[in-house]
Every structure is written in C-alpha cells, then in structure tokens.
C-alpha cells in the first residue's frame, strides 16, 4: 500500500520546480547540486528535528532516497 502524503502533489512539484530552477539558473553542476541539497537536508534535520530523533530520521531519509533512485537508463 502506497504511503499517503499530507502534502499535495501540486505543492511538492511547485516547490521542487522552484528549487530546480534556482540550480538551473545558476548553472550548478551535479556534484555542487548534491552538496547544496545535502547541506540543506542536514540543516533541516539539525535545526528542526529533536536530537533524540535525528538518527532515525536520517536513516529513514537515506532508505527512502535509495528506494527512489532509478537504476535503469531512460
């Protein structure tokens, strides 16, 4: 059974498009994009998640990221 998000697909896509536009407009390379996004994730976890839950949240994030990566060529 798929996980139901409390956020609409439109809200997610709108914000994702805005983030991607910033990276594209600044001609950011793949490695710098990943560093920026990784630092953003670290900032969110460190500033908004209680210390006692950070490890569990980061583990869940890594698992979700790994599961979402497309391993086949388009």
N, C-alpha and C. Protein backbone atom coordinates (compact mmCIF):
# COMPACT_ATOMS: atom_id res chain seq x y z
N UNK A 1 0.84 -1.18 0.00
CA UNK A 1 0.00 0.00 0.00
C UNK A 1 0.89 1.24 0.00
N UNK A 2 0.68 2.16 -0.95
CA UNK A 2 1.50 3.37 -1.00
C UNK A 2 1.26 4.26 0.23
N UNK A 3 2.29 5.00 0.57
CA UNK A 3 2.19 5.94 1.68
C UNK A 3 1.46 7.18 1.21
N UNK A 4 0.46 7.61 1.97
CA UNK A 4 -0.31 8.81 1.64
C UNK A 4 0.37 10.02 2.28
N UNK A 5 0.71 11.00 1.47
CA UNK A 5 1.36 12.20 1.96
C UNK A 5 0.32 13.21 2.44
N UNK A 6 0.69 13.97 3.46
CA UNK A 6 -0.20 15.04 3.90
C UNK A 6 -0.05 16.28 3.04
N UNK A 7 0.88 16.23 2.08
CA UNK A 7 1.12 17.34 1.16
C UNK A 7 0.61 16.96 -0.22
N UNK A 8 0.05 17.92 -0.93
CA UNK A 8 -0.46 17.62 -2.26
C UNK A 8 0.69 17.49 -3.25
N UNK A 9 0.45 16.70 -4.28
CA UNK A 9 1.46 16.54 -5.34
C UNK A 9 1.77 17.89 -5.98
N UNK A 10 0.76 18.72 -6.13
CA UNK A 10 0.96 20.04 -6.74
C UNK A 10 1.88 20.89 -5.88
N UNK A 11 1.68 20.89 -4.57
CA UNK A 11 2.53 21.67 -3.66
C UNK A 11 3.97 21.18 -3.75
N UNK A 12 4.16 19.88 -3.74
CA UNK A 12 5.50 19.31 -3.81
C UNK A 12 6.16 19.67 -5.14
N UNK A 13 5.45 19.48 -6.23
CA UNK A 13 6.00 19.76 -7.56
C UNK A 13 6.33 21.24 -7.74
N UNK A 14 5.50 22.12 -7.21
CA UNK A 14 5.74 23.57 -7.32
C UNK A 14 7.04 23.95 -6.63
N UNK A 15 7.21 23.47 -5.40
CA UNK A 15 8.44 23.81 -4.65
C UNK A 15 9.65 23.16 -5.29
N UNK A 16 9.52 21.91 -5.73
CA UNK A 16 10.63 21.23 -6.40
C UNK A 16 11.03 21.99 -7.66
N UNK A 17 10.05 22.43 -8.44
CA UNK A 17 10.35 23.20 -9.65
C UNK A 17 11.11 24.48 -9.32
N UNK A 18 10.73 25.14 -8.23
CA UNK A 18 11.41 26.37 -7.83
C UNK A 18 12.87 26.10 -7.45
N UNK A 19 13.09 25.04 -6.69
CA UNK A 19 14.46 24.68 -6.29
C UNK A 19 15.29 24.33 -7.52
N UNK A 20 14.72 23.52 -8.41
CA UNK A 20 15.45 23.12 -9.61
C UNK A 20 15.72 24.32 -10.52
N UNK A 21 14.79 25.27 -10.57
CA UNK A 21 15.01 26.49 -11.36
C UNK A 21 16.21 27.27 -10.84
N UNK A 22 16.35 27.38 -9.53
CA UNK A 22 17.50 28.09 -8.93
C UNK A 22 18.80 27.41 -9.33
N UNK A 23 18.83 26.07 -9.22
CA UNK A 23 20.04 25.34 -9.59
C UNK A 23 20.34 25.51 -11.08
N UNK A 24 19.31 25.41 -11.91
CA UNK A 24 19.49 25.54 -13.35
C UNK A 24 19.92 26.96 -13.72
N UNK A 25 19.25 27.96 -13.15
CA UNK A 25 19.57 29.36 -13.48
C UNK A 25 21.00 29.72 -13.10
N UNK A 26 21.54 29.04 -12.10
CA UNK A 26 22.92 29.29 -11.67
C UNK A 26 23.91 28.31 -12.29
N UNK A 27 23.43 27.51 -13.23
CA UNK A 27 24.26 26.54 -13.95
C UNK A 27 25.11 25.70 -12.99
N UNK A 28 24.44 25.18 -11.97
CA UNK A 28 25.11 24.41 -10.92
C UNK A 28 25.37 22.99 -11.43
N UNK A 29 26.60 22.50 -11.22
CA UNK A 29 26.96 21.14 -11.64
C UNK A 29 26.27 20.10 -10.76
N UNK A 30 26.32 18.86 -11.20
CA UNK A 30 25.70 17.76 -10.44
C UNK A 30 26.32 17.66 -9.06
N UNK A 31 27.65 17.67 -8.97
CA UNK A 31 28.28 17.50 -7.66
C UNK A 31 27.96 18.65 -6.72
N UNK A 32 27.93 19.89 -7.22
CA UNK A 32 27.58 21.02 -6.37
C UNK A 32 26.10 20.98 -5.99
N UNK A 33 25.24 20.58 -6.92
CA UNK A 33 23.82 20.43 -6.61
C UNK A 33 23.62 19.45 -5.46
N UNK A 34 24.31 18.31 -5.53
CA UNK A 34 24.18 17.31 -4.47
C UNK A 34 24.71 17.83 -3.14
N UNK A 35 25.81 18.59 -3.18
CA UNK A 35 26.35 19.18 -1.94
C UNK A 35 25.35 20.17 -1.34
N UNK A 36 24.78 21.03 -2.19
CA UNK A 36 23.82 22.02 -1.71
C UNK A 36 22.59 21.35 -1.13
N UNK A 37 22.05 20.38 -1.84
CA UNK A 37 20.86 19.69 -1.35
C UNK A 37 21.16 18.89 -0.09
N UNK A 38 22.33 18.25 -0.04
CA UNK A 38 22.73 17.52 1.16
C UNK A 38 22.89 18.43 2.36
N UNK A 39 23.52 19.58 2.15
CA UNK A 39 23.66 20.55 3.24
C UNK A 39 22.31 21.08 3.69
N UNK A 40 21.38 21.24 2.75
CA UNK A 40 20.04 21.69 3.10
C UNK A 40 19.33 20.65 3.97
N UNK A 41 19.47 19.39 3.62
CA UNK A 41 18.86 18.31 4.40
C UNK A 41 19.47 18.28 5.80
N UNK A 42 20.79 18.39 5.88
CA UNK A 42 21.46 18.41 7.18
C UNK A 42 20.96 19.57 8.02
N UNK A 43 20.83 20.74 7.40
CA UNK A 43 20.35 21.92 8.13
C UNK A 43 18.93 21.69 8.67
N UNK A 44 18.04 21.16 7.83
CA UNK A 44 16.66 20.91 8.25
C UNK A 44 16.63 19.94 9.43
N UNK A 45 17.37 18.85 9.32
CA UNK A 45 17.38 17.85 10.40
C UNK A 45 17.96 18.44 11.67
N UNK A 46 19.10 19.12 11.58
CA UNK A 46 19.76 19.66 12.77
C UNK A 46 18.98 20.80 13.42
N UNK A 47 18.22 21.56 12.64
CA UNK A 47 17.53 22.72 13.20
C UNK A 47 16.08 22.46 13.56
N UNK A 48 15.48 21.39 13.00
CA UNK A 48 14.05 21.21 13.20
C UNK A 48 13.66 19.86 13.82
N UNK A 49 14.60 18.96 13.95
CA UNK A 49 14.30 17.63 14.50
C UNK A 49 14.98 17.52 15.85
N UNK A 50 14.24 17.05 16.87
CA UNK A 50 14.87 16.86 18.17
C UNK A 50 16.08 15.93 18.08
N UNK A 51 17.10 16.23 18.86
CA UNK A 51 18.35 15.46 18.83
C UNK A 51 18.09 13.96 18.94
N UNK A 52 17.18 13.58 19.79
CA UNK A 52 16.90 12.16 20.02
C UNK A 52 16.31 11.45 18.80
N UNK A 53 15.79 12.21 17.83
CA UNK A 53 15.16 11.61 16.66
C UNK A 53 15.98 11.76 15.38
N UNK A 54 17.08 12.48 15.43
CA UNK A 54 17.85 12.79 14.22
C UNK A 54 18.38 11.54 13.51
N UNK A 55 18.94 10.61 14.26
CA UNK A 55 19.49 9.39 13.65
C UNK A 55 18.40 8.61 12.93
N UNK A 56 17.26 8.43 13.58
CA UNK A 56 16.16 7.68 12.97
C UNK A 56 15.64 8.37 11.72
N UNK A 57 15.50 9.70 11.79
CA UNK A 57 15.01 10.45 10.63
C UNK A 57 16.00 10.36 9.47
N UNK A 58 17.29 10.50 9.77
CA UNK A 58 18.28 10.44 8.69
C UNK A 58 18.33 9.04 8.09
N UNK A 59 18.20 8.01 8.91
CA UNK A 59 18.18 6.64 8.39
C UNK A 59 16.97 6.42 7.48
N UNK A 60 15.81 6.93 7.89
CA UNK A 60 14.60 6.80 7.06
C UNK A 60 14.77 7.57 5.75
N UNK A 61 15.38 8.74 5.83
CA UNK A 61 15.59 9.53 4.63
C UNK A 61 16.50 8.79 3.65
N UNK A 62 17.61 8.25 4.16
CA UNK A 62 18.55 7.52 3.30
C UNK A 62 17.85 6.32 2.66
N UNK A 63 17.05 5.62 3.42
CA UNK A 63 16.32 4.46 2.89
C UNK A 63 15.35 4.89 1.79
N UNK A 64 14.60 5.98 2.03
CA UNK A 64 13.65 6.48 1.03
C UNK A 64 14.38 6.97 -0.22
N UNK A 65 15.50 7.66 -0.03
CA UNK A 65 16.29 8.12 -1.17
C UNK A 65 16.78 6.94 -2.00
N UNK A 66 17.33 5.96 -1.35
CA UNK A 66 17.84 4.78 -2.05
C UNK A 66 16.73 4.06 -2.82
N UNK A 67 15.55 3.99 -2.22
CA UNK A 67 14.43 3.31 -2.86
C UNK A 67 13.90 4.09 -4.06
N UNK A 68 14.11 5.40 -4.07
CA UNK A 68 13.55 6.24 -5.15
C UNK A 68 14.48 6.42 -6.34
N UNK A 69 15.72 5.99 -6.22
CA UNK A 69 16.69 6.16 -7.31
C UNK A 69 16.36 5.19 -8.44
N UNK A 70 16.28 5.73 -9.66
CA UNK A 70 16.01 4.92 -10.85
C UNK A 70 17.33 4.32 -11.32
N UNK A 71 17.43 3.01 -11.29
CA UNK A 71 18.66 2.35 -11.66
C UNK A 71 18.70 1.91 -13.12
N UNK A 72 17.66 2.24 -13.87
CA UNK A 72 17.62 1.89 -15.28
C UNK A 72 17.76 3.14 -16.13
N UNK A 73 18.41 3.00 -17.29
CA UNK A 73 18.50 4.13 -18.24
C UNK A 73 17.12 4.45 -18.75
N UNK A 74 16.93 5.72 -19.08
CA UNK A 74 15.63 6.16 -19.63
C UNK A 74 15.49 5.73 -21.04
